[in-house]
Amino acid sequence: MEYWHSICPSCNQGRLFVMSIENSDIPFLLCEECEYAWASPEEIDLRVHFDFQGLGIRRAEKDDIERAGWFRFALTAANES
């Protein structure tokens, strides 16, 4: 299941997916369209950009999101049936 938070405030088109940095418990949000990223949901309104380039990343799983205390921010499962 893929979790996303909201529509990207930068491009107003893509969804902000909850991602994880490989081999860590560090989540972040990444726009599927413009690839703008935020270090946390609390920083979206501040428009603080997180540079994820060069890091191994993957879509966060439910356990990753819960460990980070972000499940309240993961509003929708993208491929929920």
N, C-alpha and C. Protein backbone atom coordinates (compact mmCIF):
# COMPACT_ATOMS: atom_id res chain seq x y z
N MET A 1 0.84 -1.17 0.00
CA MET A 1 0.00 0.00 0.00
C MET A 1 0.90 1.24 0.00
N GLU A 2 0.53 2.24 -0.74
CA GLU A 2 1.30 3.48 -0.81
C GLU A 2 0.50 4.60 -0.14
N TYR A 3 1.16 5.35 0.73
CA TYR A 3 0.49 6.40 1.48
C TYR A 3 0.96 7.77 1.01
N TRP A 4 0.01 8.68 0.91
CA TRP A 4 0.35 10.04 0.55
C TRP A 4 -0.35 11.00 1.49
N HIS A 5 0.18 12.22 1.53
CA HIS A 5 -0.28 13.20 2.51
C HIS A 5 -1.26 14.20 1.92
N SER A 6 -0.90 14.87 0.85
CA SER A 6 -1.74 15.92 0.28
C SER A 6 -1.26 16.22 -1.14
N ILE A 7 -1.94 17.17 -1.77
CA ILE A 7 -1.48 17.66 -3.07
C ILE A 7 -0.32 18.62 -2.83
N CYS A 8 0.66 18.57 -3.71
CA CYS A 8 1.87 19.38 -3.57
C CYS A 8 1.54 20.88 -3.62
N PRO A 9 1.96 21.64 -2.62
CA PRO A 9 1.73 23.08 -2.64
C PRO A 9 2.68 23.81 -3.60
N SER A 10 3.69 23.13 -4.08
CA SER A 10 4.64 23.75 -5.00
C SER A 10 4.11 23.75 -6.44
N CYS A 11 3.67 22.57 -6.93
CA CYS A 11 3.18 22.48 -8.31
C CYS A 11 1.66 22.38 -8.40
N ASN A 12 0.99 22.10 -7.29
CA ASN A 12 -0.47 21.94 -7.24
C ASN A 12 -0.99 20.85 -8.16
N GLN A 13 -0.16 19.86 -8.46
CA GLN A 13 -0.59 18.77 -9.33
C GLN A 13 -0.33 17.39 -8.73
N GLY A 14 0.88 17.17 -8.24
CA GLY A 14 1.27 15.84 -7.75
C GLY A 14 0.86 15.60 -6.31
N ARG A 15 0.84 14.33 -5.95
CA ARG A 15 0.59 13.94 -4.57
C ARG A 15 1.93 13.87 -3.83
N LEU A 16 1.90 14.23 -2.55
CA LEU A 16 3.09 14.13 -1.71
C LEU A 16 3.10 12.75 -1.07
N PHE A 17 3.92 11.86 -1.61
CA PHE A 17 4.03 10.51 -1.07
C PHE A 17 4.97 10.48 0.12
N VAL A 18 4.65 9.64 1.09
CA VAL A 18 5.52 9.44 2.24
C VAL A 18 6.60 8.45 1.79
N MET A 19 7.84 8.89 1.87
CA MET A 19 8.99 8.11 1.43
C MET A 19 9.89 7.84 2.63
N SER A 20 10.79 6.88 2.46
CA SER A 20 11.80 6.59 3.48
C SER A 20 13.17 6.56 2.85
N ILE A 21 14.17 6.96 3.63
CA ILE A 21 15.54 6.84 3.20
C ILE A 21 15.99 5.42 3.51
N GLU A 22 16.60 4.75 2.55
CA GLU A 22 17.04 3.36 2.71
C GLU A 22 17.88 3.20 3.97
N ASN A 23 17.70 2.07 4.64
CA ASN A 23 18.47 1.69 5.83
C ASN A 23 18.36 2.70 6.97
N SER A 24 17.23 3.37 7.06
CA SER A 24 17.01 4.29 8.18
C SER A 24 15.51 4.39 8.44
N ASP A 25 15.17 5.04 9.52
CA ASP A 25 13.77 5.29 9.85
C ASP A 25 13.41 6.73 9.55
N ILE A 26 14.11 7.35 8.61
CA ILE A 26 13.89 8.77 8.31
C ILE A 26 12.90 8.92 7.16
N PRO A 27 11.67 9.35 7.45
CA PRO A 27 10.70 9.57 6.39
C PRO A 27 10.77 11.00 5.86
N PHE A 28 10.22 11.21 4.69
CA PHE A 28 10.06 12.55 4.13
C PHE A 28 8.94 12.50 3.10
N LEU A 29 8.52 13.65 2.62
CA LEU A 29 7.45 13.74 1.63
C LEU A 29 8.05 14.12 0.28
N LEU A 30 7.59 13.46 -0.78
CA LEU A 30 8.12 13.69 -2.12
C LEU A 30 6.97 13.82 -3.11
N CYS A 31 6.98 14.89 -3.89
CA CYS A 31 5.95 15.10 -4.90
C CYS A 31 6.21 14.19 -6.10
N GLU A 32 5.18 13.50 -6.53
CA GLU A 32 5.32 12.58 -7.67
C GLU A 32 5.48 13.32 -8.99
N GLU A 33 5.13 14.59 -9.05
CA GLU A 33 5.22 15.36 -10.29
C GLU A 33 6.49 16.20 -10.39
N CYS A 34 6.66 17.12 -9.47
CA CYS A 34 7.79 18.06 -9.55
C CYS A 34 9.01 17.59 -8.77
N GLU A 35 8.87 16.51 -8.00
CA GLU A 35 9.94 15.94 -7.19
C GLU A 35 10.49 16.90 -6.14
N TYR A 36 9.68 17.85 -5.73
CA TYR A 36 10.02 18.70 -4.60
C TYR A 36 9.81 17.87 -3.35
N ALA A 37 10.66 18.04 -2.35
CA ALA A 37 10.56 17.21 -1.16
C ALA A 37 10.60 18.05 0.11
N TRP A 38 9.94 17.53 1.15
CA TRP A 38 9.92 18.18 2.46
C TRP A 38 10.35 17.17 3.51
N ALA A 39 11.09 17.66 4.50
CA ALA A 39 11.58 16.80 5.57
C ALA A 39 10.47 16.34 6.51
N SER A 40 9.38 17.12 6.60
CA SER A 40 8.28 16.72 7.47
C SER A 40 6.99 17.41 7.05
N PRO A 41 5.85 16.83 7.42
CA PRO A 41 4.56 17.46 7.10
C PRO A 41 4.39 18.83 7.75
N GLU A 42 5.03 19.04 8.91
CA GLU A 42 4.92 20.32 9.60
C GLU A 42 5.61 21.44 8.84
N GLU A 43 6.55 21.12 7.96
CA GLU A 43 7.32 22.13 7.24
C GLU A 43 6.72 22.52 5.89
N ILE A 44 5.65 21.89 5.48
CA ILE A 44 5.08 22.16 4.16
C ILE A 44 4.69 23.63 4.01
N ASP A 45 4.04 24.18 5.02
CA ASP A 45 3.63 25.58 4.93
C ASP A 45 4.82 26.53 4.97
N LEU A 46 5.93 26.07 5.54
CA LEU A 46 7.14 26.90 5.60
C LEU A 46 7.92 26.83 4.29
N ARG A 47 7.55 25.88 3.43
CA ARG A 47 8.21 25.67 2.14
C ARG A 47 9.71 25.47 2.29
N VAL A 48 10.08 24.67 3.30
CA VAL A 48 11.48 24.31 3.50
C VAL A 48 11.75 23.07 2.66
N HIS A 49 12.66 23.21 1.73
CA HIS A 49 12.96 22.12 0.80
C HIS A 49 14.00 21.18 1.39
N PHE A 50 13.77 19.88 1.25
CA PHE A 50 14.68 18.84 1.71
C PHE A 50 15.39 18.26 0.49
N ASP A 51 16.70 18.25 0.49
CA ASP A 51 17.47 17.73 -0.64
C ASP A 51 17.69 16.24 -0.46
N PHE A 52 16.97 15.42 -1.19
CA PHE A 52 17.07 13.97 -1.09
C PHE A 52 18.00 13.38 -2.14
N GLN A 53 18.54 14.21 -3.02
CA GLN A 53 19.38 13.72 -4.11
C GLN A 53 20.56 12.92 -3.57
N GLY A 54 20.85 11.81 -4.21
CA GLY A 54 21.97 10.96 -3.83
C GLY A 54 21.65 9.96 -2.73
N LEU A 55 20.45 10.02 -2.17
CA LEU A 55 20.05 9.08 -1.13
C LEU A 55 19.25 7.95 -1.74
N GLY A 56 19.41 6.75 -1.24
CA GLY A 56 18.56 5.65 -1.66
C GLY A 56 17.20 5.83 -1.01
N ILE A 57 16.15 5.85 -1.80
CA ILE A 57 14.82 6.09 -1.25
C ILE A 57 13.85 5.00 -1.70
N ARG A 58 12.77 4.88 -0.95
CA ARG A 58 11.69 3.94 -1.27
C ARG A 58 10.40 4.49 -0.69
N ARG A 59 9.28 3.97 -1.18
CA ARG A 59 7.99 4.37 -0.60
C ARG A 59 7.92 3.82 0.81
N ALA A 60 7.48 4.65 1.74
CA ALA A 60 7.37 4.23 3.14
C ALA A 60 6.23 3.24 3.29
N GLU A 61 6.44 2.29 4.17
CA GLU A 61 5.40 1.32 4.51
C GLU A 61 4.69 1.78 5.78
N LYS A 62 3.57 1.14 6.06
CA LYS A 62 2.76 1.52 7.22
C LYS A 62 3.59 1.53 8.50
N ASP A 63 4.43 0.51 8.70
CA ASP A 63 5.25 0.44 9.91
C ASP A 63 6.23 1.61 10.00
N ASP A 64 6.82 1.99 8.86
CA ASP A 64 7.74 3.14 8.83
C ASP A 64 7.03 4.41 9.28
N ILE A 65 5.83 4.59 8.75
CA ILE A 65 5.05 5.79 9.03
C ILE A 65 4.62 5.84 10.50
N GLU A 66 4.20 4.69 11.02
CA GLU A 66 3.80 4.63 12.43
C GLU A 66 4.98 4.89 13.36
N ARG A 67 6.16 4.31 13.08
CA ARG A 67 7.36 4.53 13.91
C ARG A 67 7.74 6.00 13.96
N ALA A 68 7.55 6.69 12.86
CA ALA A 68 7.90 8.12 12.80
C ALA A 68 6.83 9.00 13.44
N GLY A 69 5.68 8.43 13.80
CA GLY A 69 4.58 9.21 14.36
C GLY A 69 3.85 10.03 13.32
N TRP A 70 3.94 9.61 12.06
CA TRP A 70 3.35 10.36 10.95
C TRP A 70 2.04 9.77 10.44
N PHE A 71 1.55 8.70 11.04
CA PHE A 71 0.37 8.07 10.45
C PHE A 71 -0.82 9.02 10.38
N ARG A 72 -0.89 9.96 11.28
CA ARG A 72 -1.99 10.95 11.22
C ARG A 72 -1.87 11.83 9.98
N PHE A 73 -0.66 11.93 9.39
CA PHE A 73 -0.44 12.73 8.19
C PHE A 73 -0.67 11.93 6.91
N ALA A 74 -0.58 10.61 6.98
CA ALA A 74 -0.77 9.76 5.81
C ALA A 74 -2.27 9.55 5.61
N LEU A 75 -2.87 10.46 4.92
CA LEU A 75 -4.33 10.51 4.85
C LEU A 75 -4.94 9.48 3.93
N THR A 76 -4.24 9.07 2.89
CA THR A 76 -4.85 8.24 1.88
C THR A 76 -3.91 7.13 1.44
N ALA A 77 -4.46 5.97 1.23
CA ALA A 77 -3.70 4.89 0.61
C ALA A 77 -3.93 4.98 -0.89
N ALA A 78 -2.89 5.15 -1.66
CA ALA A 78 -2.99 5.40 -3.10
C ALA A 78 -3.62 4.27 -3.86
N ASN A 79 -3.36 3.03 -3.48
CA ASN A 79 -3.91 1.91 -4.23
C ASN A 79 -4.84 1.06 -3.37
N GLU A 80 -5.60 1.72 -2.53
CA GLU A 80 -6.56 1.03 -1.68
C GLU A 80 -7.72 0.54 -2.51
N SER A 81 -8.15 -0.68 -2.28
CA SER A 81 -9.28 -1.20 -3.08
C SER A 81 -10.53 -1.32 -2.27
